[in-house]
C-alpha cells in the first residue's frame, strides 16, 4: 500500500527475542534508511487463558519474554540508530492495570504489561536529554482477528455494553492514539500510558 501510494517501504522478518536477529535487522535499516525517527513496539500477546494452577514456569517465562523482554532488547538494540527527537511508542494493555472484572483475564500477560508500563517511564527519563519521547498505548479488548478467535463476537459485544461508549474497540482506534504520540502535537508528551 505504501509503495502503491508513492512511498518507500521495506519489510524484515525478525525473532523479537533474539538480540542477534534484532541487531542484524536494525543494521540493515540503518544502511537503507539512516537513523530512526519513529519506533513502534507492537510485539506481545499470549496463546490461551490458563488458571493459576495450570501456569507452568515455562509458560510464565515465555509470556514475559514476548511482552517485556522483546521490548527491552529492541530498545537497547535500536538506541544507537535513533535520531534525536525520535518517537518511541509501545503497545501495552489495560490488563497491566489488573484483572478485568467483566471478562477472563490472564495474570502472566497482565504482569508483563504492567512491567512494560514501568519500563516506558524509565525510558522516558533516560531518553529525555535527546528530546526523544517514549509513550505507551494500552487498549482494552480490541476486535482483532486473534481476539475474535480467543473471546468470540458475543463476548466482545458484552464487553462493549459495559463501557461508556458502548463500543467494541477497533484496531483503527489504537492506530489513532499511536498517530497522536508520533505527531508534532505530542512533542512535549513523554512517559505517558494512554489507557
Protein backbone atom coordinates (compact mmCIF):
# COMPACT_ATOMS: atom_id res chain seq x y z
CA UNK A 1 0.00 0.00 0.00
CA UNK A 2 2.78 2.44 0.89
CA UNK A 3 4.62 1.77 -2.36
CA UNK A 4 1.37 1.98 -4.36
CA UNK A 5 0.88 5.48 -2.96
CA UNK A 6 4.38 6.63 -3.98
CA UNK A 7 6.23 5.96 -0.73
CA UNK A 8 9.13 3.70 0.08
CA UNK A 9 8.78 0.69 2.37
CA UNK A 10 10.82 -2.35 3.33
CA UNK A 11 9.91 -5.36 5.43
CA UNK A 12 12.15 -7.58 7.53
CA UNK A 13 11.49 -10.80 9.39
CA UNK A 14 12.95 -10.96 12.90
CA UNK A 15 12.84 -13.09 16.02
CA UNK A 16 11.75 -10.43 18.53
CA UNK A 17 13.56 -12.07 21.44
CA UNK A 18 16.89 -12.60 19.66
CA UNK A 19 19.38 -9.76 20.16
CA UNK A 20 21.41 -11.07 17.21
CA UNK A 21 18.38 -11.00 14.88
CA UNK A 22 17.41 -7.53 16.08
CA UNK A 23 20.94 -6.22 15.60
CA UNK A 24 21.08 -7.56 12.03
CA UNK A 25 17.70 -6.02 11.13
CA UNK A 26 18.47 -2.64 12.69
CA UNK A 27 21.83 -2.53 10.88
CA UNK A 28 20.00 -3.21 7.59
CA UNK A 29 17.57 -0.40 8.40
CA UNK A 30 20.45 1.95 9.19
CA UNK A 31 22.16 1.11 5.89
CA UNK A 32 18.94 1.53 3.89
CA UNK A 33 17.29 4.46 5.65
CA UNK A 34 19.80 6.07 8.02
CA UNK A 35 18.59 6.78 11.55
CA UNK A 36 15.20 6.00 13.00
CA UNK A 37 12.62 8.73 13.75
CA UNK A 38 9.68 6.56 14.81
CA UNK A 39 9.79 3.19 16.55
CA UNK A 40 6.60 1.35 17.47
CA UNK A 41 6.95 -1.85 19.50
CA UNK A 42 3.91 -3.97 18.67
CA UNK A 43 5.03 -7.38 19.90
CA UNK A 44 3.11 -9.32 22.50
CA UNK A 45 0.17 -11.46 23.42
CA UNK A 46 -0.40 -14.95 24.75
CA UNK A 47 -1.89 -18.14 23.35
CA UNK A 48 -4.68 -19.11 25.77
CA UNK A 49 -6.16 -18.43 29.18
CA UNK A 50 -4.98 -20.69 32.00
CA UNK A 51 -5.93 -20.97 35.65
CA UNK A 52 -3.19 -20.16 38.17
CA UNK A 53 -2.51 -23.81 38.94
CA UNK A 54 -2.07 -24.61 35.23
CA UNK A 55 0.56 -21.93 34.51
CA UNK A 56 3.94 -23.60 34.16
CA UNK A 57 7.24 -21.87 34.74
CA UNK A 58 7.92 -22.25 31.01
CA UNK A 59 4.62 -20.52 30.13
CA UNK A 60 5.32 -17.72 32.61
CA UNK A 61 8.77 -17.04 31.12
CA UNK A 62 7.51 -17.22 27.52
CA UNK A 63 4.75 -14.65 28.13
CA UNK A 64 7.14 -12.26 29.91
CA UNK A 65 9.77 -12.74 27.19
CA UNK A 66 7.31 -11.98 24.42
CA UNK A 67 5.75 -8.94 26.10
CA UNK A 68 8.56 -7.31 28.11
CA UNK A 69 11.93 -8.79 27.19
CA UNK A 70 11.27 -8.24 23.48
CA UNK A 71 10.66 -4.52 24.17
CA UNK A 72 13.80 -4.22 26.29
CA UNK A 73 16.00 -5.98 23.70
CA UNK A 74 14.57 -4.00 20.78
CA UNK A 75 15.02 -0.68 22.59
CA UNK A 76 18.54 -1.43 23.70
CA UNK A 77 19.47 -2.59 20.20
CA UNK A 78 17.85 0.28 18.28
CA UNK A 79 19.10 3.02 20.64
CA UNK A 80 22.35 3.73 18.70
CA UNK A 81 20.44 4.48 15.48
CA UNK A 82 17.66 6.61 16.99
CA UNK A 83 17.73 10.20 15.78
CA UNK A 84 17.45 12.94 18.37
CA UNK A 85 13.78 13.88 18.67
CA UNK A 86 12.64 10.35 17.75
CA UNK A 87 9.32 8.97 18.96
CA UNK A 88 9.00 5.60 20.67
CA UNK A 89 5.59 4.04 21.26
CA UNK A 90 4.97 0.72 23.00
CA UNK A 91 1.72 -1.21 22.91
CA UNK A 92 0.55 -2.27 26.33
CA UNK A 93 -2.82 -3.38 27.58
CA UNK A 94 -5.47 -2.47 30.11
CA UNK A 95 -4.53 -5.87 31.57
CA UNK A 96 -1.46 -4.11 33.01
CA UNK A 97 -3.76 -2.31 35.45
CA UNK A 98 -5.18 -5.53 36.88
CA UNK A 99 -7.74 -8.21 36.03
CA UNK A 100 -10.81 -7.28 34.03
CA UNK A 101 -13.80 -7.52 36.39
CA UNK A 102 -16.11 -8.35 33.48
CA UNK A 103 -14.12 -10.85 31.42
CA UNK A 104 -11.48 -13.56 31.57
CA UNK A 105 -8.04 -12.22 32.47
CA UNK A 106 -4.59 -13.79 32.28
CA UNK A 107 -2.13 -13.00 35.05
CA UNK A 108 1.21 -13.52 33.22
CA UNK A 109 0.08 -11.16 30.45
CA UNK A 110 -1.13 -8.52 32.92
CA UNK A 111 2.10 -8.71 34.92
CA UNK A 112 4.12 -8.36 31.70
CA UNK A 113 2.18 -5.31 30.53
CA UNK A 114 2.48 -3.70 33.97
CA UNK A 115 6.24 -4.17 33.72
CA UNK A 116 6.25 -2.65 30.25
CA UNK A 117 4.39 0.42 31.54
CA UNK A 118 7.07 0.94 34.19
CA UNK A 119 9.83 0.43 31.60
CA UNK A 120 8.29 3.21 29.48
CA UNK A 121 8.65 5.64 32.40
CA UNK A 122 12.31 4.72 32.87
CA UNK A 123 12.98 5.07 29.13
CA UNK A 124 11.26 8.47 29.03
CA UNK A 125 13.70 9.67 31.68
CA UNK A 126 16.72 8.03 30.00
CA UNK A 127 15.97 9.46 26.53
CA UNK A 128 14.67 12.88 27.58
CA UNK A 129 18.01 14.67 27.17
CA UNK A 130 17.88 13.76 23.45
CA UNK A 131 14.29 15.08 23.08
CA UNK A 132 13.16 11.52 22.36
CA UNK A 133 9.61 10.88 23.60
CA UNK A 134 8.60 7.49 24.96
CA UNK A 135 4.91 6.65 25.42
CA UNK A 136 2.56 3.69 25.58
CA UNK A 137 -0.90 2.93 24.24
CA UNK A 138 -2.81 0.39 26.36
CA UNK A 139 -6.02 -0.68 24.67
CA UNK A 140 -8.70 -2.77 26.21
CA UNK A 141 -10.01 -5.80 24.35
CA UNK A 142 -9.69 -4.92 20.66
CA UNK A 143 -11.56 -6.65 17.84
CA UNK A 144 -8.59 -8.12 16.02
CA UNK A 145 -8.87 -11.50 14.31
CA UNK A 146 -6.88 -13.18 17.10
CA UNK A 147 -9.06 -11.64 19.82
CA UNK A 148 -12.24 -12.63 17.98
CA UNK A 149 -10.98 -16.23 17.95
CA UNK A 150 -9.88 -16.06 21.61
CA UNK A 151 -13.01 -14.40 23.04
CA UNK A 152 -15.75 -14.67 20.38
CA UNK A 153 -18.01 -11.97 18.95
CA UNK A 154 -20.68 -12.39 21.62
CA UNK A 155 -18.16 -11.74 24.41
CA UNK A 156 -16.87 -8.65 22.58
CA UNK A 157 -20.39 -7.25 22.34
CA UNK A 158 -20.94 -7.95 26.04
CA UNK A 159 -17.74 -6.06 26.89
CA UNK A 160 -18.86 -3.16 24.69
CA UNK A 161 -22.13 -2.96 26.59
CA UNK A 162 -20.15 -2.43 29.81
CA UNK A 163 -18.19 0.64 28.65
CA UNK A 164 -19.47 4.23 28.48
CA UNK A 165 -19.27 4.47 24.67
CA UNK A 166 -20.91 1.07 24.07
CA UNK A 167 -18.14 0.50 21.56
CA UNK A 168 -16.09 -2.52 20.55
CA UNK A 169 -12.55 -1.14 20.32
CA UNK A 170 -11.20 -1.44 16.77
CA UNK A 171 -7.56 -1.56 15.61
CA UNK A 172 -8.12 1.85 13.98
CA UNK A 173 -8.85 3.32 17.43
CA UNK A 174 -5.44 2.17 18.63
CA UNK A 175 -3.76 3.43 15.45
CA UNK A 176 -5.21 6.91 16.04
CA UNK A 177 -3.70 7.01 19.55
CA UNK A 178 -0.31 5.91 18.19
CA UNK A 179 -0.53 8.53 15.45
CA UNK A 180 -1.05 11.22 18.09
CA UNK A 181 2.08 10.17 20.00
CA UNK A 182 4.25 10.33 16.87
CA UNK A 183 2.75 13.64 15.68
CA UNK A 184 4.18 17.14 16.26
CA UNK A 185 1.29 17.80 18.69
CA UNK A 186 2.85 15.31 21.15
CA UNK A 187 6.38 16.76 21.16
CA UNK A 188 6.04 17.67 24.84
CA UNK A 189 4.39 14.42 25.95
CA UNK A 190 6.53 11.61 27.35
CA UNK A 191 6.29 8.80 29.90
CA UNK A 192 2.52 8.51 29.40
CA UNK A 193 0.47 5.31 29.34
CA UNK A 194 -2.74 6.10 27.46
CA UNK A 195 -5.35 3.58 28.60
